[in-house]
N, C-alpha and C. Protein backbone atom coordinates (compact mmCIF):
# COMPACT_ATOMS: atom_id res chain seq x y z
N MET A 1 -106.84 -51.29 50.34
CA MET A 1 -106.29 -50.15 50.83
C MET A 1 -107.28 -51.25 52.91
N ALA A 2 -108.21 -50.89 53.09
CA ALA A 2 -109.22 -51.78 53.45
C ALA A 2 -109.17 -52.84 53.69
N ARG A 3 -109.80 -53.57 51.75
CA ARG A 3 -110.09 -54.50 52.27
C ARG A 3 -108.17 -55.18 52.05
N ARG A 4 -107.38 -55.93 52.12
CA ARG A 4 -106.03 -55.64 51.97
C ARG A 4 -105.42 -55.66 53.32
N ALA A 5 -106.23 -54.57 54.10
CA ALA A 5 -105.80 -54.52 55.54
C ALA A 5 -106.85 -55.72 56.09
N ASN A 6 -107.75 -56.52 55.70
CA ASN A 6 -108.87 -57.09 56.26
C ASN A 6 -109.91 -56.36 57.54
N ALA A 7 -110.15 -54.78 56.87
CA ALA A 7 -111.01 -54.22 57.25
C ALA A 7 -112.38 -53.39 56.88
N SER A 8 -112.80 -52.60 57.74
CA SER A 8 -113.46 -52.49 56.65
C SER A 8 -113.03 -50.33 56.78
N LYS A 9 -114.01 -50.03 55.25
CA LYS A 9 -113.43 -49.11 55.07
C LYS A 9 -114.01 -47.63 56.07
N THR A 10 -114.39 -47.74 56.77
CA THR A 10 -114.65 -47.02 58.59
C THR A 10 -113.66 -47.45 59.22
N THR A 11 -113.60 -48.50 60.10
CA THR A 11 -112.30 -48.58 61.09
C THR A 11 -111.53 -48.13 60.39
N PHE A 12 -110.54 -48.70 58.68
CA PHE A 12 -109.38 -48.27 58.29
C PHE A 12 -109.14 -46.89 58.15
N TYR A 13 -110.09 -45.65 57.69
CA TYR A 13 -110.22 -43.98 57.73
C TYR A 13 -109.70 -43.82 59.44
N SER A 14 -110.67 -44.08 60.01
CA SER A 14 -110.14 -43.92 61.40
C SER A 14 -109.20 -44.28 61.61
N ARG A 15 -108.49 -45.23 61.68
CA ARG A 15 -107.29 -45.58 61.94
C ARG A 15 -105.95 -44.47 61.43
N PHE A 16 -106.51 -44.45 59.77
CA PHE A 16 -105.53 -43.12 59.07
C PHE A 16 -106.73 -42.48 58.00
N PRO A 17 -106.70 -41.42 59.48
CA PRO A 17 -107.45 -40.03 58.40
C PRO A 17 -106.70 -38.98 57.30
N THR A 18 -105.31 -39.14 57.69
CA THR A 18 -104.41 -39.04 56.16
C THR A 18 -103.43 -40.22 55.51
N LYS A 19 -103.04 -39.60 54.31
CA LYS A 19 -102.21 -40.69 54.36
C LYS A 19 -101.06 -40.19 54.80
N GLU A 20 -100.36 -38.89 54.93
CA GLU A 20 -99.67 -39.17 56.28
C GLU A 20 -99.55 -40.47 57.40
N ASP A 21 -100.85 -39.94 58.14
CA ASP A 21 -100.46 -41.39 59.30
C ASP A 21 -100.37 -42.84 58.29
N LEU A 22 -101.26 -42.92 57.33
CA LEU A 22 -100.47 -43.95 57.21
C LEU A 22 -99.29 -44.44 56.60
N PHE A 23 -99.24 -43.80 56.11
CA PHE A 23 -97.01 -43.66 55.94
C PHE A 23 -96.34 -43.13 56.29
N LEU A 24 -96.91 -43.47 57.36
CA LEU A 24 -95.74 -43.08 59.42
C LEU A 24 -96.14 -44.15 59.35
N ALA A 25 -97.79 -44.82 59.73
CA ALA A 25 -97.19 -46.71 60.12
C ALA A 25 -96.89 -47.32 59.24
N VAL A 26 -96.55 -47.96 58.12
CA VAL A 26 -96.54 -48.53 57.66
C VAL A 26 -94.71 -48.17 57.24
N ILE A 27 -94.25 -46.43 57.82
CA ILE A 27 -92.56 -46.60 58.22
C ILE A 27 -92.07 -46.84 59.60
N ALA A 28 -93.02 -46.61 61.08
CA ALA A 28 -92.90 -47.65 62.32
C ALA A 28 -92.93 -49.25 62.65
N ARG A 29 -94.11 -49.31 61.13
CA ARG A 29 -94.30 -51.23 61.79
C ARG A 29 -92.94 -51.33 60.33
N ARG A 30 -92.67 -51.19 59.58
CA ARG A 30 -91.89 -51.40 58.96
C ARG A 30 -89.70 -52.02 59.85
N MET A 31 -89.81 -50.61 59.98
CA MET A 31 -88.67 -49.53 60.46
C MET A 31 -88.29 -50.73 61.90
N THR A 32 -88.93 -51.33 62.58
CA THR A 32 -89.20 -52.06 63.32
C THR A 32 -88.59 -53.18 62.96
N LYS A 33 -89.28 -53.69 62.37
CA LYS A 33 -89.02 -54.79 62.13
C LYS A 33 -88.04 -55.62 61.17
N ILE A 34 -87.11 -54.15 60.58
CA ILE A 34 -85.79 -53.92 60.28
C ILE A 34 -85.03 -53.55 61.54
N PHE A 35 -85.04 -52.66 61.94
CA PHE A 35 -85.01 -53.28 63.95
C PHE A 35 -84.05 -54.33 64.59
N GLU A 36 -85.42 -54.97 64.07
CA GLU A 36 -85.27 -56.80 64.40
C GLU A 36 -84.16 -58.11 63.79
N GLN A 37 -84.06 -57.19 62.81
CA GLN A 37 -83.25 -57.56 62.65
C GLN A 37 -81.86 -58.25 62.09
N VAL A 38 -81.56 -56.56 61.82
CA VAL A 38 -80.25 -56.40 62.53
C VAL A 38 -79.62 -56.76 63.96
N ALA A 39 -79.58 -55.71 64.41
CA ALA A 39 -79.32 -55.41 65.89
C ALA A 39 -79.61 -56.16 66.57
N LYS A 40 -78.28 -57.32 66.21
CA LYS A 40 -77.71 -58.21 66.79
C LYS A 40 -76.42 -58.69 66.81
N PHE A 41 -76.73 -57.92 68.55
CA PHE A 41 -74.88 -58.53 69.13
C PHE A 41 -74.46 -59.50 70.56
N PRO A 42 -73.79 -60.44 69.57
CA PRO A 42 -73.61 -61.55 70.36
C PRO A 42 -72.29 -61.26 71.44
N GLU A 43 -72.00 -61.53 72.25
CA GLU A 43 -70.79 -61.71 73.63
C GLU A 43 -69.63 -61.99 72.76
N ARG A 44 -69.75 -63.10 72.20
CA ARG A 44 -68.12 -63.55 72.17
C ARG A 44 -67.51 -63.29 70.72
N PRO A 45 -68.69 -63.34 69.25
CA PRO A 45 -67.42 -62.98 68.51
C PRO A 45 -66.00 -62.17 68.57
N SER A 46 -65.26 -62.00 67.97
CA SER A 46 -64.46 -61.10 67.54
C SER A 46 -65.42 -59.75 67.42
N VAL A 47 -64.74 -58.13 67.08
CA VAL A 47 -65.33 -56.84 67.04
C VAL A 47 -65.09 -57.38 65.64
N GLU A 48 -64.89 -58.08 65.10
CA GLU A 48 -64.49 -57.48 63.90
C GLU A 48 -64.98 -59.18 63.13
N SER A 49 -65.41 -60.49 64.06
CA SER A 49 -67.19 -60.71 63.06
C SER A 49 -68.30 -60.21 63.05
N THR A 50 -67.88 -59.01 64.56
CA THR A 50 -69.60 -59.57 64.54
C THR A 50 -69.72 -57.63 63.48
N LEU A 51 -68.53 -56.35 63.69
CA LEU A 51 -69.47 -55.68 62.42
C LEU A 51 -69.90 -56.35 61.73
N ARG A 52 -68.88 -56.61 60.71
CA ARG A 52 -69.60 -58.17 59.44
C ARG A 52 -70.54 -58.96 58.98
N GLN A 53 -70.97 -59.53 60.78
CA GLN A 53 -71.87 -59.69 60.31
C GLN A 53 -72.86 -59.09 59.89
N PHE A 54 -72.49 -57.52 61.57
CA PHE A 54 -74.32 -56.16 61.28
C PHE A 54 -74.12 -55.32 59.77
N GLY A 55 -73.18 -56.07 58.97
CA GLY A 55 -72.71 -54.90 58.78
C GLY A 55 -73.13 -55.49 56.78
N ALA A 56 -73.64 -57.20 57.30
CA ALA A 56 -73.95 -57.55 55.70
C ALA A 56 -75.41 -57.40 56.31
N ASN A 57 -76.19 -57.98 57.35
CA ASN A 57 -77.20 -57.97 57.59
C ASN A 57 -77.70 -55.92 57.20
N LEU A 58 -77.09 -55.22 57.55
CA LEU A 58 -77.42 -53.57 57.34
C LEU A 58 -77.90 -53.63 55.77
N LEU A 59 -76.80 -54.42 55.29
CA LEU A 59 -76.66 -53.78 53.94
C LEU A 59 -77.60 -54.23 53.06
N HIS A 60 -77.74 -55.81 52.92
CA HIS A 60 -78.60 -56.30 52.60
C HIS A 60 -80.01 -56.01 52.26
N ILE A 61 -80.37 -55.41 53.47
CA ILE A 61 -81.92 -54.32 53.91
C ILE A 61 -81.59 -53.31 52.97
N ALA A 62 -80.98 -53.73 53.34
CA ALA A 62 -80.95 -51.46 52.96
C ALA A 62 -81.15 -51.97 51.65
N LEU A 63 -80.17 -52.74 50.62
CA LEU A 63 -80.45 -52.97 49.44
C LEU A 63 -81.94 -53.53 48.77
N SER A 64 -82.51 -54.32 49.59
CA SER A 64 -83.57 -55.26 49.44
C SER A 64 -84.91 -54.14 48.68
N PRO A 65 -85.86 -54.39 48.40
CA PRO A 65 -86.84 -53.82 46.79
C PRO A 65 -87.48 -52.43 47.47
N GLU A 66 -87.96 -53.75 48.57
CA GLU A 66 -89.03 -52.79 49.84
C GLU A 66 -88.03 -51.63 49.95
N GLN A 67 -86.88 -51.91 50.63
CA GLN A 67 -86.02 -50.58 51.51
C GLN A 67 -86.34 -49.99 50.43
N ILE A 68 -86.31 -50.09 49.47
CA ILE A 68 -84.99 -49.20 48.09
C ILE A 68 -86.58 -48.17 47.68
N SER A 69 -87.73 -48.77 47.53
CA SER A 69 -89.18 -48.29 47.23
C SER A 69 -88.97 -47.31 48.04
N LEU A 70 -89.35 -47.57 49.60
CA LEU A 70 -89.54 -47.16 51.12
C LEU A 70 -88.14 -45.38 50.99
N ILE A 71 -87.29 -45.45 50.22
CA ILE A 71 -87.16 -44.57 50.68
C ILE A 71 -87.06 -43.71 49.77
N ARG A 72 -87.29 -43.74 47.95
CA ARG A 72 -87.82 -43.62 46.99
C ARG A 72 -88.97 -42.84 47.58
N ILE A 73 -89.81 -42.70 47.68
CA ILE A 73 -91.25 -42.32 49.02
C ILE A 73 -90.72 -41.61 49.34
N ILE A 74 -90.48 -41.77 49.98
CA ILE A 74 -89.65 -40.40 51.54
C ILE A 74 -89.39 -39.67 50.69
N VAL A 75 -88.32 -39.78 49.68
CA VAL A 75 -87.64 -38.64 49.78
C VAL A 75 -88.67 -37.99 48.75
N MET A 76 -89.22 -38.09 48.05
CA MET A 76 -90.39 -37.75 47.03
C MET A 76 -91.33 -36.74 47.93
N GLU A 77 -91.55 -38.08 49.40
CA GLU A 77 -93.12 -37.58 50.23
C GLU A 77 -92.50 -36.40 51.48
N SER A 78 -91.01 -36.11 51.52
CA SER A 78 -90.58 -35.49 52.80
C SER A 78 -90.78 -34.17 52.68
N GLY A 79 -90.57 -33.62 51.86
CA GLY A 79 -90.74 -31.95 51.44
C GLY A 79 -92.40 -31.90 52.53
N ARG A 80 -93.53 -32.94 50.96
CA ARG A 80 -94.80 -31.52 51.56
C ARG A 80 -95.43 -32.62 52.71
N TYR A 81 -94.87 -33.78 53.77
CA TYR A 81 -94.34 -34.32 55.28
C TYR A 81 -93.23 -34.62 54.90
N PRO A 82 -92.76 -34.24 56.25
CA PRO A 82 -91.31 -33.91 56.92
C PRO A 82 -91.09 -34.77 57.65
N GLU A 83 -92.35 -34.00 58.61
CA GLU A 83 -92.67 -35.98 59.45
C GLU A 83 -91.93 -37.29 59.44
N LEU A 84 -91.89 -37.27 57.61
CA LEU A 84 -91.48 -38.99 57.26
C LEU A 84 -90.35 -39.11 57.18
N ALA A 85 -89.70 -38.07 56.58
CA ALA A 85 -88.58 -38.11 57.39
C ALA A 85 -88.09 -38.24 58.15
N THR A 86 -88.24 -37.39 59.10
CA THR A 86 -88.76 -38.14 61.05
C THR A 86 -88.49 -39.05 61.59
N ARG A 87 -89.31 -40.04 61.62
CA ARG A 87 -89.53 -40.60 61.98
C ARG A 87 -89.23 -41.93 61.22
N PHE A 88 -89.19 -42.50 59.80
CA PHE A 88 -88.12 -42.71 58.71
C PHE A 88 -86.05 -43.06 59.84
N TYR A 89 -85.59 -42.00 60.78
CA TYR A 89 -84.78 -41.82 60.41
C TYR A 89 -84.66 -41.99 62.50
N GLU A 90 -85.95 -42.11 63.15
CA GLU A 90 -86.23 -42.29 65.01
C GLU A 90 -86.41 -43.92 64.34
N ASN A 91 -87.27 -44.18 63.95
CA ASN A 91 -87.17 -45.40 63.72
C ASN A 91 -86.37 -46.42 63.37
N GLY A 92 -85.73 -45.81 62.52
CA GLY A 92 -84.60 -46.68 61.73
C GLY A 92 -83.03 -45.94 61.56
N PRO A 93 -82.60 -45.97 61.35
CA PRO A 93 -80.75 -45.32 60.75
C PRO A 93 -80.63 -45.24 62.65
N LYS A 94 -81.18 -43.74 62.71
CA LYS A 94 -81.32 -43.83 64.67
C LYS A 94 -80.89 -44.79 65.90
N ARG A 95 -81.84 -45.80 64.71
CA ARG A 95 -81.86 -46.62 66.47
C ARG A 95 -81.19 -47.55 66.25
N GLY A 96 -80.65 -47.49 65.26
CA GLY A 96 -79.30 -49.10 64.73
C GLY A 96 -77.86 -48.27 65.22
N GLU A 97 -78.39 -46.89 64.80
CA GLU A 97 -76.78 -46.03 65.15
C GLU A 97 -75.98 -46.28 66.85
N GLU A 98 -77.68 -46.45 67.89
CA GLU A 98 -78.04 -45.77 69.14
C GLU A 98 -77.58 -47.78 69.86
N ALA A 99 -77.86 -48.72 69.00
CA ALA A 99 -78.03 -50.06 69.54
C ALA A 99 -76.53 -50.32 68.64
N LEU A 100 -76.19 -49.88 67.76
CA LEU A 100 -74.13 -50.36 67.87
C LEU A 100 -73.62 -49.69 68.44
N ALA A 101 -73.49 -48.29 68.50
CA ALA A 101 -73.10 -47.41 69.87
C ALA A 101 -72.61 -48.59 71.33
N THR A 102 -73.54 -48.55 71.49
CA THR A 102 -74.34 -49.55 72.97
C THR A 102 -73.25 -50.53 72.59
N TYR A 103 -73.35 -50.77 71.50
CA TYR A 103 -71.63 -52.27 71.41
C TYR A 103 -71.01 -51.77 71.99
N LEU A 104 -70.96 -50.64 70.66
CA LEU A 104 -68.87 -50.08 70.11
C LEU A 104 -68.68 -50.06 71.98
N ALA A 105 -69.69 -49.02 72.61
CA ALA A 105 -69.18 -48.81 74.05
C ALA A 105 -68.62 -49.58 74.69
N GLY A 106 -69.02 -50.78 74.24
CA GLY A 106 -68.75 -52.02 75.86
C GLY A 106 -67.93 -52.78 75.10
N GLN A 107 -67.07 -52.23 73.69
CA GLN A 107 -65.66 -53.09 73.22
C GLN A 107 -64.93 -52.16 73.49
N ILE A 108 -65.63 -50.49 73.67
CA ILE A 108 -64.18 -49.59 74.09
C ILE A 108 -63.94 -49.61 75.85
N LYS A 109 -64.64 -50.83 76.05
CA LYS A 109 -64.51 -51.23 77.66
C LYS A 109 -63.76 -51.92 78.79
N ILE A 110 -63.72 -52.90 77.36
CA ILE A 110 -63.37 -54.15 77.51
C ILE A 110 -61.13 -54.10 77.12
N GLY A 111 -60.74 -53.28 75.77
CA GLY A 111 -60.47 -52.86 75.24
C GLY A 111 -59.78 -52.93 74.42
N HIS A 112 -60.48 -53.79 73.12
CA HIS A 112 -60.31 -53.97 71.93
C HIS A 112 -60.61 -53.16 70.73
N LEU A 113 -61.20 -52.03 71.61
CA LEU A 113 -61.67 -50.71 70.50
C LEU A 113 -60.95 -49.01 71.53
N ARG A 114 -60.75 -48.51 70.60
CA ARG A 114 -60.21 -46.86 71.33
C ARG A 114 -61.47 -46.23 72.29
N ASP A 115 -60.77 -45.86 72.73
CA ASP A 115 -61.71 -44.53 73.53
C ASP A 115 -62.19 -43.37 72.71
N GLU A 116 -63.61 -44.21 71.63
CA GLU A 116 -63.45 -42.67 70.95
C GLU A 116 -64.74 -42.79 71.47
N ASP A 117 -66.02 -41.53 70.28
CA ASP A 117 -67.36 -41.26 71.20
C ASP A 117 -67.98 -43.10 69.99
N PRO A 118 -68.68 -43.20 70.73
CA PRO A 118 -68.75 -45.45 70.25
C PRO A 118 -70.23 -44.53 69.00
N LEU A 119 -71.43 -42.93 70.07
CA LEU A 119 -72.14 -43.12 68.07
C LEU A 119 -71.63 -42.15 67.72
N MET A 120 -70.06 -40.78 67.07
CA MET A 120 -70.33 -40.91 65.66
C MET A 120 -69.51 -41.77 64.88
N MET A 121 -68.83 -43.48 66.45
CA MET A 121 -67.33 -44.65 65.60
C MET A 121 -69.19 -45.26 64.85
N ALA A 122 -70.49 -45.32 65.42
CA ALA A 122 -71.24 -45.77 64.66
C ALA A 122 -71.24 -45.05 63.66
N ARG A 123 -71.79 -43.85 63.64
CA ARG A 123 -72.71 -43.44 62.54
C ARG A 123 -71.45 -43.44 61.28
N HIS A 124 -70.63 -43.61 61.37
CA HIS A 124 -69.14 -44.27 60.78
C HIS A 124 -69.39 -45.40 60.08
N PHE A 125 -68.87 -45.99 60.71
CA PHE A 125 -70.24 -47.69 60.17
C PHE A 125 -70.08 -47.38 59.48
N MET A 126 -71.71 -47.43 60.02
CA MET A 126 -73.01 -47.66 58.64
C MET A 126 -72.84 -46.17 58.10
N SER A 127 -72.64 -45.56 57.65
CA SER A 127 -72.05 -44.71 56.38
C SER A 127 -71.24 -45.21 55.47
N LEU A 128 -70.77 -45.64 55.95
CA LEU A 128 -69.41 -46.79 54.95
C LEU A 128 -70.42 -47.85 54.49
N ILE A 129 -70.87 -47.94 55.36
CA ILE A 129 -71.29 -49.89 54.21
C ILE A 129 -72.53 -49.93 53.55
N THR A 130 -73.37 -48.14 54.19
CA THR A 130 -74.93 -48.23 53.55
C THR A 130 -74.00 -47.59 52.12
N GLY A 131 -73.41 -46.38 52.40
CA GLY A 131 -74.13 -44.93 51.50
C GLY A 131 -73.05 -44.80 50.48
N SER A 132 -71.79 -45.05 49.38
CA SER A 132 -72.22 -45.86 47.96
C SER A 132 -73.32 -46.99 47.16
N PRO A 133 -73.55 -48.20 48.03
CA PRO A 133 -74.04 -48.84 47.21
C PRO A 133 -75.90 -48.62 46.93
N VAL A 134 -75.90 -48.29 48.15
CA VAL A 134 -77.42 -47.72 48.22
C VAL A 134 -78.16 -46.47 47.80
N ARG A 135 -77.54 -45.66 47.64
CA ARG A 135 -76.72 -44.35 46.76
C ARG A 135 -77.72 -44.69 45.51
N TRP A 136 -76.23 -45.06 44.74
CA TRP A 136 -76.64 -45.55 43.67
C TRP A 136 -77.89 -46.41 43.09
N PHE A 137 -78.10 -47.24 43.75
CA PHE A 137 -79.69 -48.44 43.96
C PHE A 137 -81.06 -46.99 43.38
N VAL A 138 -80.90 -46.36 44.88
CA VAL A 138 -82.33 -45.34 45.18
C VAL A 138 -81.76 -44.84 43.96
N LEU A 139 -81.50 -44.42 43.37
CA LEU A 139 -80.69 -43.07 41.89
C LEU A 139 -81.58 -43.79 40.25
N GLY A 140 -81.26 -45.15 40.98
CA GLY A 140 -81.67 -45.64 40.38
C GLY A 140 -80.66 -46.54 38.52
N PHE A 141 -79.28 -46.03 38.68
CA PHE A 141 -78.08 -46.15 38.24
C PHE A 141 -77.17 -48.08 38.59
N ASP A 142 -78.07 -48.31 39.38
CA ASP A 142 -77.99 -50.22 39.65
C ASP A 142 -79.29 -51.06 39.89
N SER A 143 -79.54 -51.46 38.04
CA SER A 143 -80.86 -52.05 37.86
C SER A 143 -81.43 -53.71 39.10
N GLU A 144 -78.99 -53.63 38.87
CA GLU A 144 -79.29 -55.56 38.87
C GLU A 144 -78.64 -55.76 40.17
N PRO A 145 -79.19 -56.57 40.88
CA PRO A 145 -78.72 -57.35 42.93
C PRO A 145 -77.17 -56.82 41.93
N ILE A 146 -75.81 -56.56 43.30
CA ILE A 146 -74.65 -55.44 43.54
C ILE A 146 -74.39 -57.96 43.91
N ALA A 147 -73.50 -58.61 43.03
CA ALA A 147 -72.83 -59.49 43.33
C ALA A 147 -73.18 -59.81 44.98
N GLU A 148 -72.61 -61.07 45.63
CA GLU A 148 -72.47 -61.67 46.70
C GLU A 148 -71.45 -61.61 47.33
N ARG A 149 -70.35 -61.46 46.20
CA ARG A 149 -68.29 -61.40 46.12
C ARG A 149 -68.52 -59.86 46.37
N SER A 150 -68.55 -59.23 44.84
CA SER A 150 -69.14 -58.41 45.62
C SER A 150 -69.60 -57.69 46.90
N LEU A 151 -70.33 -58.05 47.94
CA LEU A 151 -71.21 -57.10 49.21
C LEU A 151 -70.25 -57.85 50.35
N ARG A 152 -69.55 -59.10 49.39
CA ARG A 152 -68.08 -58.98 50.81
C ARG A 152 -67.12 -58.59 50.52
N LYS A 153 -66.81 -58.03 49.68
CA LYS A 153 -65.88 -57.45 48.86
C LYS A 153 -65.59 -55.80 49.49
N HIS A 154 -66.51 -54.63 49.66
CA HIS A 154 -67.11 -54.67 50.48
C HIS A 154 -66.80 -54.21 51.63
N ILE A 155 -68.49 -54.75 52.56
CA ILE A 155 -68.24 -55.57 52.96
C ILE A 155 -66.79 -55.64 54.29
N ASP A 156 -66.33 -56.31 53.89
CA ASP A 156 -64.43 -56.15 54.38
C ASP A 156 -64.02 -54.92 54.26
N GLY A 157 -63.74 -54.81 53.54
CA GLY A 157 -62.83 -53.29 53.13
C GLY A 157 -63.24 -52.29 54.49
N VAL A 158 -64.61 -51.45 54.09
CA VAL A 158 -65.44 -51.39 55.78
C VAL A 158 -65.10 -51.78 56.54
N VAL A 159 -65.07 -52.76 57.22
CA VAL A 159 -65.04 -53.34 58.45
C VAL A 159 -62.42 -53.28 59.05
N ARG A 160 -62.22 -53.67 57.91
CA ARG A 160 -60.69 -52.87 57.80
C ARG A 160 -60.28 -51.68 58.37
N LEU A 161 -60.82 -51.10 57.48
CA LEU A 161 -60.90 -49.38 57.73
C LEU A 161 -60.46 -49.09 58.91
N PHE A 162 -62.68 -49.23 59.57
CA PHE A 162 -63.10 -48.91 60.01
C PHE A 162 -62.10 -49.78 61.29
N LEU A 163 -61.41 -50.24 61.63
CA LEU A 163 -60.25 -51.15 62.72
C LEU A 163 -59.14 -49.64 62.55
N ARG A 164 -59.12 -50.22 61.30
CA ARG A 164 -58.08 -49.47 61.80
C ARG A 164 -57.92 -47.73 62.89
N ALA A 165 -58.69 -47.28 61.41
CA ALA A 165 -59.53 -46.02 62.88
C ALA A 165 -59.41 -46.57 64.19
N TYR A 166 -60.37 -47.12 64.75
CA TYR A 166 -60.48 -47.31 65.73
C TYR A 166 -59.85 -48.26 66.82
N GLY A 167 -59.19 -50.11 66.16
CA GLY A 167 -58.75 -50.28 66.73
C GLY A 167 -58.11 -50.63 67.30
N GLN A 168 -57.17 -51.37 68.26
CA GLN A 168 -56.89 -50.59 69.35
C GLN A 168 -55.48 -51.59 68.24
N PRO A 169 -54.17 -50.66 68.78
CA PRO A 169 -53.12 -51.14 68.49
C PRO A 169 -52.32 -52.73 68.63
N GLN A 170 -51.65 -53.24 67.67
CA GLN A 170 -51.99 -54.27 68.19
C GLN A 170 -50.46 -54.04 69.47
N LYS A 171 -50.31 -55.01 70.26
CA LYS A 171 -49.15 -55.04 71.21
C LYS A 171 -48.19 -56.09 70.44
């Protein structure tokens, strides 16, 4: 590990004295990188197209081999190191939920969405997008990547459902 980090063992172990410290650093770095890729909310496009893009970005990253491996490690190790799951949630899903909630609150304010709790709305959307596809990959039921057409169909269905629940009725 020290060699891969281009550091001496002394430097490496002084920075990461325990396995947990190393895991926490990996999680923080990975989740920050993902957040920067996913949490982009343009002002102009429709809510529908913004949610489609956000959902596609989120799902592609969530289904990546690196992310699936990280989730599996966190699930295995969180019994011994509960802080791993907490930090994963705080650095990743929670930040994503909050960023999406901020966007949704803006859309509520301008009348594009119903006046509901934007954080709950964000949680609903993210759960619908990632729930089933990611769950089955983590458990190893699906070993082949999901076809792009199937992913688009899933995302489109989630966006339609979300907008039926939270969109403003057409006048």
